[in-house]
Amino acid sequence: MKKLLLIASILYSTLTFAQDTGYFFGGFESNTQWLLNDEGLNFDAPKDQLRSNNYFRLDYNLGKFTAGVQYESYLPSALLGYSPKFDGNNDIGTYYLNFKHETIDITAGYFYQQFGNGLILRSWEDRQLGINNALKGIRVIFTPTDYLDLTGIYGKTRNGFDVSEGITQGIDANLNISEALKIDRIDLDLGVSYVGRYQNNGTNDTIPSTVNAYGGRLNFVAGDFYGGIEAIIKDPDVIANEGQLSSNKLYDGTAMQIDLGYAKKGLGINATFRRLENFSFYADRLAEGNIYNQELIGYTPALTKQQDYMLTNIYVYNAQPRLIIETYDQRAGEVGTQIDLYYKFKKGTLLGGKYGTKIAGNFSYWAGLDAEYHIENRWYKAEFIGKGPRLFRDVSVEVKKKINKKWSGVATFQNVIVDKGIVYGGPLSVEEDIKASIAVLEGTYKIKGSKSVRFVAQHLWAEKDRKNWVAGVFEYNFNSNFALYLADNWNYGDTDIHYYSAGGSYSKGRTRFAMNYGRQRGGLICIGGVCRFVPENTGLTANLTVNF
């Protein structure tokens, strides 16, 4: 009731102080599962077979003021793989009031913010992953000139329908050096950030109540070249595992990311290097290591190619920034690189043909930090790069080709090596790595108008784990609004299980409805390099989105 009164007060204030005629905008999203027993998967449907995540967002703009509210329900329970904090709950999830005028931008309530690459701070919402770490407090953005902006934040991180115990505060400044000094040949941007977390340490004086992180970055664009470097240090803090402090011993943390690239018509090269050492940053010191990505302050996604197909998404990488000093599992962070190459063979050339040919290559390599651990005294020492254990290596090539006016296709080959602990969330480097190769052939045939047929054939070869897989997708697009599909993902090398599904989608204007029935393969589901684990299940799934 108090929240409803607060929202009403926000809307009333907006209407009172603004003079222009305003307008509403927002949207509704519903994701629903009806889970069914499946003896073939040894899956017993839970008591709450019907599960649904629903989001209704309403915003109102009136001149310089904007106000908004998001109502959420997870009834009778949240979808499988989401934090149990949402189960059986429905309430107002976020609300805000924003004032924006010339050089000043002020938000009170819940807001999202990112500093730099997000390593030191990123609050965002991803409904597919069950992440919403919005900050509840106040944010002020001051832009005194075209080349300088300052941002200050203060608040608590959302945690389910509650907020974190810790308070996050921060300041970020960005200066466009080239604009300030009237330099034309190169574009230089300088940024500095500070983020601190305050949390009561009770009677334990050995634990710091405030943990600070400081970062700086420099980005440039010079002709066809671009790049940047960002470095961050974090104050000594305790480490936690599964909601318990490992000890009162304190460890500092560091992060560094370097990006370099070259882009011109028909050619693009991008390379990224990143090193993370004990760089988990949460709004609650005990939240470290939670599998639901709740109360995150820093953003450390996996920097690998985001794959598009069923079999290329079985063996994916999940970033490893944490420090763990245990007898069964030891890690201090990660170091690695990713390189992307894009090239288009011109029309009329031997390899380009009549319509041209696009080729993309990717190489990713990530290793644990080369470190020495002393369990009894709980200390470690890590090399900057060294020869740490390989966690993930990926090489892939993709070729896109329009054959004629009717046919177009995509061919993909991927070779991946991954630590089994990454895939299944267990200790690292205990068993032999999983090595797999995946081949994918996709074709699209345009029938008439907007009608088309799409098929995807896939095969995975692996000597370990569940060995070989074969998969196929057949999709028929009646028009740009209506499509149906059939898919099967068969592990014929070990379990002999078919992960079949059938469904379709219909779109009309700003409304889209989709439904499918079938089996969900268990494991990591990753979006934008951030992952969550989902168990195997069978059932009917429906999705409805409406924007206005």
Protein backbone atom coordinates (compact mmCIF):
# COMPACT_ATOMS: atom_id res chain seq x y z
CA MET A 1 0.00 0.00 0.00
CA LYS A 2 2.85 2.39 0.85
CA LYS A 3 4.42 1.76 -2.56
CA LEU A 4 1.13 2.48 -4.35
CA LEU A 5 0.80 5.78 -2.46
CA LEU A 6 4.38 6.64 -3.39
CA ILE A 7 3.72 5.97 -7.09
CA ALA A 8 0.57 8.05 -6.97
CA SER A 9 2.57 10.88 -5.36
CA ILE A 10 5.21 10.67 -8.11
CA LEU A 11 2.61 10.86 -10.88
CA TYR A 12 0.78 13.69 -9.12
CA SER A 13 4.02 15.66 -8.76
CA THR A 14 4.75 15.18 -12.45
CA LEU A 15 1.31 16.45 -13.46
CA THR A 16 1.54 19.40 -11.07
CA PHE A 17 4.93 20.79 -12.06
CA ALA A 18 4.87 20.21 -15.82
CA GLN A 19 2.74 22.28 -18.17
CA ASP A 20 2.81 20.46 -21.54
CA THR A 21 0.37 17.75 -22.56
CA GLY A 22 1.98 14.45 -21.67
CA TYR A 23 1.80 10.92 -23.04
CA PHE A 24 1.95 7.36 -21.72
CA PHE A 25 4.22 4.60 -22.99
CA GLY A 26 5.28 1.20 -21.72
CA GLY A 27 4.70 -2.49 -22.28
CA PHE A 28 3.57 -5.85 -20.98
CA GLU A 29 5.48 -9.14 -21.09
CA SER A 30 4.30 -12.56 -19.94
CA ASN A 31 6.39 -15.75 -19.92
CA THR A 32 4.52 -18.88 -18.84
CA GLN A 33 5.43 -22.57 -18.44
CA TRP A 34 3.21 -25.58 -17.91
CA LEU A 35 5.59 -28.33 -16.79
CA LEU A 36 4.79 -31.99 -17.45
CA ASN A 37 6.18 -35.31 -16.22
CA ASP A 38 8.67 -36.89 -18.61
CA GLU A 39 9.99 -40.39 -17.88
CA GLY A 40 12.44 -40.12 -20.76
CA LEU A 41 14.23 -37.27 -18.97
CA ASN A 42 13.53 -38.63 -15.47
CA PHE A 43 11.78 -35.33 -14.90
CA ASP A 44 9.00 -35.12 -12.35
CA ALA A 45 6.96 -31.96 -12.68
CA PRO A 46 7.04 -29.84 -9.49
CA LYS A 47 3.94 -29.15 -7.44
CA ASP A 48 3.57 -25.78 -9.13
CA GLN A 49 3.34 -27.10 -12.67
CA LEU A 50 2.07 -23.77 -13.97
CA ARG A 51 4.66 -21.01 -13.57
CA SER A 52 4.59 -17.50 -14.91
CA ASN A 53 6.80 -14.39 -14.93
CA ASN A 54 4.86 -11.22 -15.79
CA TYR A 55 5.99 -7.62 -16.18
CA PHE A 56 3.83 -4.53 -16.72
CA ARG A 57 5.66 -1.25 -17.24
CA LEU A 58 3.96 2.13 -17.45
CA ASP A 59 5.80 5.41 -18.03
CA TYR A 60 4.46 8.93 -18.34
CA ASN A 61 6.26 11.90 -19.86
CA LEU A 62 5.18 15.46 -19.30
CA GLY A 63 7.66 18.02 -20.49
CA LYS A 64 10.84 17.87 -18.44
CA PHE A 65 9.42 15.20 -16.12
CA THR A 66 9.11 11.45 -16.66
CA ALA A 67 7.71 9.01 -14.14
CA GLY A 68 7.40 5.24 -14.34
CA VAL A 69 6.49 2.09 -12.51
CA GLN A 70 7.00 -1.63 -13.20
CA TYR A 71 4.67 -4.19 -11.65
CA GLU A 72 5.81 -7.83 -11.58
CA SER A 73 4.22 -11.14 -10.65
CA TYR A 74 5.75 -14.61 -10.32
CA LEU A 75 2.67 -16.72 -9.65
CA PRO A 76 2.25 -19.35 -8.49
CA SER A 77 6.07 -19.62 -8.85
CA ALA A 78 8.84 -18.18 -10.98
CA LEU A 79 10.08 -20.04 -14.06
CA LEU A 80 12.62 -22.81 -13.49
CA GLY A 81 16.15 -21.55 -12.98
CA TYR A 82 15.12 -18.19 -11.48
CA SER A 83 15.93 -17.08 -7.95
CA PRO A 84 13.50 -18.55 -5.37
CA LYS A 85 13.20 -15.01 -3.97
CA PHE A 86 10.60 -14.39 -6.69
CA ASP A 87 8.50 -17.52 -6.09
CA GLY A 88 4.87 -16.77 -5.27
CA ASN A 89 5.43 -13.01 -5.12
CA ASN A 90 3.83 -10.09 -6.92
CA ASP A 91 4.45 -6.43 -6.22
CA ILE A 92 5.80 -3.21 -7.64
CA GLY A 93 9.34 -4.01 -8.68
CA THR A 94 10.65 -0.57 -9.68
CA TYR A 95 9.49 3.04 -9.85
CA TYR A 96 11.17 6.36 -10.59
CA LEU A 97 10.76 10.08 -11.18
CA ASN A 98 13.11 11.84 -13.58
CA PHE A 99 13.71 15.52 -14.25
CA LYS A 100 15.81 16.55 -17.25
CA HIS A 101 16.60 20.09 -18.31
CA GLU A 102 19.57 21.33 -20.33
CA THR A 103 22.66 20.50 -18.22
CA ILE A 104 20.99 18.57 -15.39
CA ASP A 105 19.39 15.10 -15.25
CA ILE A 106 18.05 13.89 -11.87
CA THR A 107 16.43 10.52 -11.13
CA ALA A 108 14.90 9.46 -7.82
CA GLY A 109 13.69 5.92 -7.20
CA TYR A 110 15.05 2.98 -9.21
CA PHE A 111 17.50 3.57 -12.03
CA TYR A 112 20.03 1.76 -14.25
CA GLN A 113 23.58 2.98 -14.75
CA GLN A 114 26.90 1.90 -16.26
CA PHE A 115 30.38 3.32 -15.74
CA GLY A 116 32.88 2.63 -18.53
CA ASN A 117 32.75 -0.97 -19.77
CA GLY A 118 30.67 -1.88 -16.74
CA LEU A 119 33.47 -3.68 -14.90
CA ILE A 120 33.25 -1.30 -11.95
CA LEU A 121 29.48 -0.67 -12.16
CA ARG A 122 26.60 -1.82 -14.29
CA SER A 123 22.97 -2.07 -13.25
CA TRP A 124 20.62 -3.48 -15.86
CA GLU A 125 17.60 -5.70 -16.45
CA ASP A 126 17.54 -8.97 -18.39
CA ARG A 127 14.28 -10.82 -17.91
CA GLN A 128 15.47 -13.97 -19.69
CA LEU A 129 18.26 -14.33 -17.14
CA GLY A 130 16.24 -13.18 -14.14
CA ILE A 131 18.54 -10.21 -13.55
CA ASN A 132 17.35 -6.83 -12.33
CA ASN A 133 19.97 -5.14 -10.20
CA ALA A 134 18.52 -1.63 -10.46
CA LEU A 135 19.72 0.83 -7.85
CA LYS A 136 17.14 2.40 -5.54
CA GLY A 137 18.22 5.87 -4.55
CA ILE A 138 19.22 8.97 -6.46
CA ARG A 139 21.28 9.67 -9.57
CA VAL A 140 22.44 13.08 -10.78
CA ILE A 141 24.00 13.67 -14.22
CA PHE A 142 25.58 17.06 -14.84
CA THR A 143 26.70 18.06 -18.34
CA PRO A 144 28.17 21.57 -18.12
CA THR A 145 29.70 21.44 -21.63
CA ASP A 146 29.55 19.31 -24.76
CA TYR A 147 32.81 17.59 -23.80
CA LEU A 148 32.33 16.93 -20.09
CA ASP A 149 29.75 14.99 -18.07
CA LEU A 150 29.65 14.03 -14.38
CA THR A 151 27.46 11.34 -12.81
CA GLY A 152 26.84 10.69 -9.14
CA ILE A 153 24.86 7.75 -7.74
CA TYR A 154 23.74 6.67 -4.28
CA GLY A 155 21.44 3.78 -3.46
CA LYS A 156 20.79 0.17 -2.62
CA THR A 157 20.74 -2.66 -5.17
CA ARG A 158 17.50 -4.45 -5.88
CA ASN A 159 17.31 -8.02 -4.51
CA GLY A 160 14.05 -9.72 -5.43
CA PHE A 161 11.35 -7.34 -4.20
CA ASP A 162 13.67 -6.04 -1.50
CA VAL A 163 17.00 -4.20 -1.61
CA SER A 164 20.52 -5.09 -0.56
CA GLU A 165 21.90 -4.48 2.89
CA GLY A 166 24.88 -2.66 1.41
CA ILE A 167 24.78 0.89 0.06
CA THR A 168 26.45 1.66 -3.28
CA GLN A 169 27.81 5.12 -3.99
CA GLY A 170 29.79 6.29 -6.97
CA ILE A 171 31.07 9.13 -9.15
CA ASP A 172 31.92 8.95 -12.84
CA ALA A 173 33.46 11.62 -15.07
CA ASN A 174 33.96 11.62 -18.84
CA LEU A 175 36.01 14.17 -20.74
CA ASN A 176 36.31 14.35 -24.52
CA ILE A 177 39.86 15.65 -24.80
CA SER A 178 39.68 16.21 -28.54
CA GLU A 179 36.57 18.37 -28.26
CA ALA A 180 38.00 20.35 -25.36
CA LEU A 181 41.32 21.02 -27.13
CA LYS A 182 39.85 21.26 -30.66
CA ILE A 183 41.85 18.30 -31.97
CA ASP A 184 40.49 17.01 -35.29
CA ARG A 185 42.77 14.14 -36.33
CA ILE A 186 42.02 11.89 -33.36
CA ASP A 187 39.09 11.48 -31.01
CA LEU A 188 40.24 10.97 -27.39
CA ASP A 189 37.95 10.23 -24.45
CA LEU A 190 39.16 10.07 -20.85
CA GLY A 191 37.08 8.61 -18.02
CA VAL A 192 37.53 8.08 -14.29
CA SER A 193 35.24 6.22 -11.88
CA TYR A 194 34.82 5.61 -8.19
CA VAL A 195 32.39 3.08 -6.67
CA GLY A 196 32.12 2.25 -2.98
CA ARG A 197 30.01 -0.20 -1.01
CA TYR A 198 29.14 0.51 2.59
CA GLN A 199 27.81 -2.35 4.73
CA ASN A 200 27.62 -2.58 8.50
CA ASN A 201 30.27 -4.97 9.82
CA GLY A 202 28.52 -5.51 13.15
CA THR A 203 30.95 -6.42 15.92
CA ASN A 204 33.57 -7.86 13.58
CA ASP A 205 36.12 -5.04 13.28
CA THR A 206 38.39 -7.14 11.06
CA ILE A 207 35.88 -6.82 8.22
CA PRO A 208 35.87 -3.41 6.47
CA SER A 209 32.54 -1.60 6.45
CA THR A 210 33.49 0.27 3.27
CA VAL A 211 35.08 -1.29 0.20
CA ASN A 212 36.08 1.08 -2.59
CA ALA A 213 36.98 0.56 -6.24
CA TYR A 214 38.77 3.08 -8.46
CA GLY A 215 39.09 2.99 -12.23
CA GLY A 216 40.34 4.93 -15.21
CA ARG A 217 39.98 4.51 -18.96
CA LEU A 218 41.16 6.05 -22.20
CA ASN A 219 39.47 5.47 -25.59
CA PHE A 220 40.50 6.69 -29.02
CA VAL A 221 39.35 6.72 -32.64
CA ALA A 222 41.93 7.61 -35.30
CA GLY A 223 40.77 7.14 -38.86
CA ASP A 224 39.90 3.46 -39.30
CA PHE A 225 41.53 2.48 -36.00
CA TYR A 226 39.94 2.49 -32.57
CA GLY A 227 40.73 1.14 -29.12
CA GLY A 228 40.75 1.68 -25.41
CA ILE A 229 42.13 0.60 -22.06
CA GLU A 230 40.41 0.42 -18.70
CA ALA A 231 42.03 -0.51 -15.36
CA ILE A 232 40.41 -0.89 -11.93
CA ILE A 233 41.64 -1.64 -8.42
CA LYS A 234 39.40 -2.76 -5.55
CA ASP A 235 40.10 -2.41 -1.83
CA PRO A 236 40.84 -5.51 0.26
CA ASP A 237 37.66 -7.37 1.17
CA VAL A 238 36.60 -10.75 2.52
CA ILE A 239 35.58 -13.57 0.17
CA ALA A 240 32.41 -15.57 0.57
CA ASN A 241 31.06 -18.85 -0.77
CA GLU A 242 27.42 -19.98 -0.71
CA GLY A 243 26.43 -17.25 1.73
CA GLN A 244 29.23 -17.91 4.24
CA LEU A 245 32.50 -16.05 4.81
CA SER A 246 35.51 -18.20 3.96
CA SER A 247 37.49 -16.34 6.62
CA ASN A 248 38.16 -12.84 7.91
CA LYS A 249 41.29 -12.55 5.77
CA LEU A 250 41.17 -9.69 3.26
CA TYR A 251 42.14 -9.75 -0.43
CA ASP A 252 42.29 -6.90 -2.92
CA GLY A 253 41.19 -7.18 -6.55
CA THR A 254 42.11 -5.83 -9.96
CA ALA A 255 40.66 -5.72 -13.45
CA MET A 256 42.08 -4.67 -16.81
CA GLN A 257 40.58 -4.65 -20.29
CA ILE A 258 42.25 -3.57 -23.54
CA ASP A 259 40.39 -3.25 -26.85
CA LEU A 260 41.92 -2.63 -30.28
CA GLY A 261 40.20 -2.61 -33.64
CA TYR A 262 40.27 -1.64 -37.29
CA ALA A 263 37.18 -1.12 -39.44
CA LYS A 264 36.59 -0.04 -43.00
CA LYS A 265 34.13 -1.03 -45.72
CA GLY A 266 34.31 -4.79 -46.16
CA LEU A 267 36.86 -5.43 -43.40
CA GLY A 268 36.79 -5.42 -39.62
CA ILE A 269 39.22 -6.66 -36.97
CA ASN A 270 38.58 -6.46 -33.24
CA ALA A 271 40.74 -7.78 -30.41
CA THR A 272 40.10 -7.77 -26.66
CA PHE A 273 42.40 -8.67 -23.77
CA ARG A 274 41.07 -8.91 -20.22
CA ARG A 275 42.52 -9.91 -16.87
CA LEU A 276 40.42 -10.30 -13.72
CA GLU A 277 41.94 -11.10 -10.34
CA ASN A 278 39.56 -11.57 -7.41
CA PHE A 279 37.15 -9.17 -9.07
CA SER A 280 33.72 -10.16 -7.83
CA PHE A 281 31.87 -7.09 -6.58
CA TYR A 282 28.46 -7.43 -4.93
CA ALA A 283 26.14 -5.13 -2.99
CA ASP A 284 26.21 -7.64 -0.13
CA ARG A 285 29.51 -9.25 0.87
CA LEU A 286 27.72 -12.60 1.39
CA ALA A 287 26.12 -12.58 -2.09
CA GLU A 288 29.39 -13.57 -3.79
CA GLY A 289 29.05 -16.75 -5.79
CA ASN A 290 25.25 -16.91 -5.85
CA ILE A 291 24.13 -18.77 -8.97
CA TYR A 292 21.27 -16.39 -9.74
CA ASN A 293 23.42 -13.28 -10.44
CA GLN A 294 21.63 -11.26 -7.76
CA GLU A 295 23.03 -8.05 -6.18
CA LEU A 296 25.78 -7.61 -8.76
CA ILE A 297 27.68 -4.31 -8.81
CA GLY A 298 30.35 -5.13 -11.39
CA TYR A 299 29.69 -6.62 -14.82
CA THR A 300 32.12 -9.32 -15.97
CA PRO A 301 30.56 -11.17 -18.92
CA ALA A 302 32.25 -13.95 -20.86
CA LEU A 303 34.10 -12.32 -23.77
CA THR A 304 33.53 -15.02 -26.37
CA LYS A 305 31.50 -15.24 -29.56
CA GLN A 306 27.77 -15.39 -28.85
CA GLN A 307 26.60 -18.41 -30.84
CA ASP A 308 23.18 -18.71 -32.54
CA TYR A 309 22.51 -22.46 -32.78
CA MET A 310 21.41 -25.29 -30.49
CA LEU A 311 24.60 -27.35 -30.64
CA THR A 312 27.01 -24.40 -30.59
CA ASN A 313 25.42 -23.37 -27.28
CA ILE A 314 26.07 -26.63 -25.40
CA TYR A 315 29.69 -25.92 -24.47
CA VAL A 316 29.83 -22.22 -23.60
CA TYR A 317 32.06 -20.20 -21.32
CA ASN A 318 31.07 -18.51 -18.08
CA ALA A 319 33.49 -15.83 -16.81
CA GLN A 320 35.61 -16.78 -13.76
CA PRO A 321 36.52 -13.61 -11.84
CA ARG A 322 36.32 -15.13 -8.34
CA LEU A 323 38.99 -16.02 -5.81
CA ILE A 324 38.51 -19.43 -4.16
CA ILE A 325 41.09 -20.98 -1.82
CA GLU A 326 39.85 -24.44 -0.95
CA THR A 327 41.34 -27.92 -0.94
CA TYR A 328 38.96 -29.07 -3.68
CA ASP A 329 38.82 -25.94 -5.83
CA GLN A 330 41.42 -23.22 -6.29
CA ARG A 331 41.12 -20.21 -8.57
CA ALA A 332 42.18 -16.57 -8.50
CA GLY A 333 40.52 -15.15 -11.61
CA GLU A 334 40.95 -15.33 -15.38
CA VAL A 335 43.04 -13.94 -18.19
CA GLY A 336 42.44 -14.26 -21.90
CA THR A 337 41.68 -12.76 -25.26
CA GLN A 338 39.14 -12.73 -28.05
CA ILE A 339 39.81 -11.81 -31.69
CA ASP A 340 37.11 -11.24 -34.31
CA LEU A 341 37.69 -10.91 -38.05
CA TYR A 342 35.08 -9.86 -40.61
CA TYR A 343 35.63 -9.68 -44.38
CA LYS A 344 33.36 -9.31 -47.40
CA PHE A 345 34.44 -10.57 -50.78
CA LYS A 346 33.21 -8.03 -53.33
CA LYS A 347 30.56 -8.73 -55.93
CA GLY A 348 31.92 -9.96 -59.23
CA THR A 349 35.08 -11.51 -57.76
CA LEU A 350 35.89 -15.23 -57.81
CA LEU A 351 34.87 -15.78 -54.18
CA GLY A 352 32.30 -13.00 -54.07
CA GLY A 353 30.21 -14.16 -57.00
CA LYS A 354 27.16 -12.22 -58.09
CA TYR A 355 26.06 -11.08 -54.62
CA GLY A 356 29.27 -11.04 -52.59
CA THR A 357 30.31 -13.33 -49.74
CA LYS A 358 30.71 -12.53 -46.03
CA ILE A 359 33.14 -14.43 -43.84
CA ALA A 360 33.65 -14.09 -40.07
CA GLY A 361 36.26 -15.74 -37.87
CA ASN A 362 36.63 -15.81 -34.11
CA PHE A 363 39.31 -17.01 -31.71
CA SER A 364 38.86 -17.03 -27.93
CA TYR A 365 41.22 -18.29 -25.25
CA TRP A 366 40.67 -18.03 -21.48
CA ALA A 367 42.77 -19.43 -18.69
CA GLY A 368 42.79 -19.35 -14.93
CA LEU A 369 45.47 -17.17 -13.40
CA ASP A 370 48.81 -18.84 -12.79
CA ALA A 371 48.85 -18.76 -8.99
CA GLU A 372 50.45 -20.35 -5.95
CA TYR A 373 48.07 -21.17 -3.08
CA HIS A 374 48.79 -21.79 0.59
CA ILE A 375 45.58 -23.22 2.06
CA GLU A 376 46.67 -23.37 5.70
CA ASN A 377 47.60 -19.67 5.86
CA ARG A 378 44.97 -18.74 3.25
CA TRP A 379 47.17 -16.69 0.97
CA TYR A 380 47.97 -16.81 -2.73
CA LYS A 381 50.23 -15.14 -5.25
CA ALA A 382 49.23 -14.79 -8.91
CA GLU A 383 51.30 -14.03 -11.99
CA PHE A 384 50.11 -11.29 -14.35
CA ILE A 385 49.73 -13.83 -17.19
CA GLY A 386 51.91 -16.90 -16.58
CA LYS A 387 50.83 -20.42 -17.57
CA GLY A 388 47.53 -20.88 -15.80
CA PRO A 389 45.17 -23.80 -16.51
CA ARG A 390 43.23 -23.53 -19.75
CA LEU A 391 39.53 -23.00 -19.11
CA PHE A 392 38.18 -22.38 -22.61
CA ARG A 393 39.42 -22.24 -26.20
CA ASP A 394 37.16 -21.59 -29.16
CA VAL A 395 37.85 -21.29 -32.89
CA SER A 396 34.98 -20.67 -35.29
CA VAL A 397 34.44 -19.68 -38.92
CA GLU A 398 31.17 -18.51 -40.45
CA VAL A 399 30.41 -17.95 -44.14
CA LYS A 400 27.25 -16.14 -45.31
CA LYS A 401 26.31 -16.34 -48.96
CA LYS A 402 23.37 -15.25 -51.09
CA ILE A 403 23.27 -17.81 -53.89
CA ASN A 404 20.50 -16.36 -56.04
CA LYS A 405 17.26 -14.40 -55.62
CA LYS A 406 15.64 -17.40 -53.91
CA TRP A 407 18.41 -19.06 -51.92
CA SER A 408 20.77 -17.82 -49.21
CA GLY A 409 22.82 -19.81 -46.74
CA VAL A 410 25.15 -19.82 -43.74
CA ALA A 411 27.86 -22.38 -43.04
CA THR A 412 29.53 -22.49 -39.60
CA PHE A 413 32.31 -24.60 -38.14
CA GLN A 414 33.40 -24.42 -34.51
CA ASN A 415 36.06 -26.23 -32.51
CA VAL A 416 35.88 -25.81 -28.75
CA ILE A 417 37.80 -27.03 -25.69
CA VAL A 418 36.27 -26.33 -22.28
CA ASP A 419 36.91 -27.29 -18.67
CA LYS A 420 34.11 -29.59 -17.53
CA GLY A 421 33.73 -27.57 -14.32
CA ILE A 422 32.72 -24.55 -16.42
CA VAL A 423 29.91 -26.46 -18.13
CA TYR A 424 28.48 -28.11 -15.03
CA GLY A 425 29.41 -25.62 -12.31
CA GLY A 426 31.79 -27.90 -10.42
CA PRO A 427 35.44 -27.61 -9.36
CA LEU A 428 37.78 -26.63 -12.20
CA SER A 429 40.41 -28.83 -13.84
CA VAL A 430 39.41 -31.99 -11.96
CA GLU A 431 38.53 -34.06 -15.04
CA GLU A 432 39.87 -34.03 -18.57
CA ASP A 433 38.68 -31.16 -20.76
CA ILE A 434 35.72 -31.58 -23.10
CA LYS A 435 36.77 -31.28 -26.74
CA ALA A 436 34.10 -30.84 -29.42
CA SER A 437 33.68 -29.83 -33.06
CA ILE A 438 30.39 -28.51 -34.43
CA ALA A 439 29.31 -28.06 -38.05
CA VAL A 440 26.19 -26.11 -39.00
CA LEU A 441 24.50 -25.57 -42.35
CA GLU A 442 21.61 -23.11 -42.58
CA GLY A 443 19.57 -22.38 -45.67
CA THR A 444 16.68 -20.03 -46.45
CA TYR A 445 14.45 -20.28 -49.53
CA LYS A 446 12.13 -17.41 -50.46
CA ILE A 447 8.93 -18.76 -51.96
CA LYS A 448 6.82 -15.76 -52.88
CA GLY A 449 6.42 -12.35 -51.32
CA SER A 450 7.36 -12.70 -47.66
CA LYS A 451 6.87 -16.48 -47.57
CA SER A 452 10.01 -18.48 -46.93
CA VAL A 453 11.36 -21.78 -45.67
CA ARG A 454 14.37 -22.04 -43.37
CA PHE A 455 16.24 -25.17 -42.36
CA VAL A 456 19.25 -25.77 -40.10
CA ALA A 457 21.28 -29.00 -39.97
CA GLN A 458 23.84 -29.41 -37.16
CA HIS A 459 26.27 -32.03 -35.91
CA LEU A 460 28.56 -32.14 -32.87
CA TRP A 461 31.49 -34.52 -32.42
CA ALA A 462 32.94 -35.07 -28.94
CA GLU A 463 35.02 -37.85 -27.38
CA LYS A 464 34.05 -37.12 -23.77
CA ASP A 465 30.97 -36.04 -21.85
CA ARG A 466 27.84 -36.98 -23.85
CA LYS A 467 29.74 -37.52 -27.11
CA ASN A 468 27.96 -36.97 -30.44
CA TRP A 469 24.84 -34.93 -31.19
CA VAL A 470 22.76 -34.20 -34.28
CA ALA A 471 20.13 -31.47 -34.55
CA GLY A 472 17.76 -30.03 -37.09
CA VAL A 473 15.32 -27.13 -37.42
CA PHE A 474 12.61 -26.63 -40.03
CA GLU A 475 10.82 -23.26 -40.09
CA TYR A 476 8.04 -22.08 -42.36
CA ASN A 477 7.32 -18.36 -42.55
CA PHE A 478 3.83 -17.76 -43.93
CA ASN A 479 4.60 -14.03 -43.98
CA SER A 480 6.58 -11.52 -41.99
CA ASN A 481 4.12 -11.91 -39.09
CA PHE A 482 3.43 -15.64 -38.78
CA ALA A 483 5.91 -18.56 -38.54
CA LEU A 484 5.91 -22.21 -37.39
CA TYR A 485 8.85 -24.48 -36.63
CA LEU A 486 9.88 -28.06 -35.75
CA ALA A 487 13.20 -28.85 -34.06
CA ASP A 488 15.03 -31.84 -32.62
CA ASN A 489 18.29 -32.08 -30.73
CA TRP A 490 19.37 -35.75 -30.46
CA ASN A 491 22.22 -37.00 -28.28
CA TYR A 492 22.81 -40.25 -30.16
CA GLY A 493 26.36 -40.70 -28.85
CA ASP A 494 25.45 -41.44 -25.22
CA THR A 495 21.97 -40.95 -23.72
CA ASP A 496 19.88 -41.49 -26.90
CA ILE A 497 17.61 -38.63 -25.75
CA HIS A 498 15.73 -36.43 -28.22
CA TYR A 499 15.21 -32.82 -27.10
CA TYR A 500 12.35 -32.10 -29.47
CA SER A 501 10.19 -29.00 -29.71
CA ALA A 502 7.50 -27.50 -31.93
CA GLY A 503 6.01 -24.04 -31.93
CA GLY A 504 5.42 -20.78 -33.66
CA SER A 505 5.02 -17.04 -33.33
CA TYR A 506 2.62 -14.36 -34.53
CA SER A 507 3.31 -10.62 -34.63
CA LYS A 508 0.91 -7.78 -35.28
CA GLY A 509 2.07 -4.23 -34.89
CA ARG A 510 3.63 -3.94 -31.44
CA THR A 511 2.27 -7.27 -30.21
CA ARG A 512 4.00 -10.64 -30.47
CA PHE A 513 2.79 -14.03 -29.24
CA ALA A 514 4.85 -17.23 -29.30
CA MET A 515 4.18 -20.76 -28.06
CA ASN A 516 6.09 -24.02 -28.11
CA TYR A 517 5.95 -27.51 -26.66
CA GLY A 518 8.94 -29.74 -26.05
CA ARG A 519 11.97 -30.61 -24.00
CA GLN A 520 14.53 -28.16 -22.59
CA ARG A 521 18.13 -29.38 -22.50
CA GLY A 522 19.64 -28.64 -19.11
CA GLY A 523 22.77 -26.57 -18.66
CA LEU A 524 23.93 -22.99 -19.12
CA ILE A 525 21.74 -20.46 -20.91
CA CYS A 526 23.81 -17.37 -21.78
CA ILE A 527 22.78 -13.94 -23.04
CA GLY A 528 25.39 -11.29 -23.69
CA GLY A 529 28.03 -13.40 -21.97
CA VAL A 530 26.09 -13.75 -18.69
CA CYS A 531 24.75 -17.21 -17.88
CA ARG A 532 22.28 -19.02 -15.66
CA PHE A 533 21.76 -22.74 -15.11
CA VAL A 534 18.45 -24.36 -16.03
CA PRO A 535 17.44 -27.97 -15.26
CA GLU A 536 16.13 -30.33 -17.92
CA ASN A 537 12.36 -30.13 -18.21
CA THR A 538 9.41 -30.77 -20.50
CA GLY A 539 6.32 -28.68 -21.01
CA LEU A 540 4.39 -26.00 -22.83
CA THR A 541 5.79 -22.47 -22.95
CA ALA A 542 4.04 -19.27 -24.01
CA ASN A 543 5.35 -15.73 -24.42
CA LEU A 544 3.37 -12.53 -24.98
CA THR A 545 4.85 -9.06 -25.44
CA VAL A 546 2.92 -5.84 -26.03
CA ASN A 547 4.49 -2.40 -26.41
CA PHE A 548 2.65 0.89 -26.56
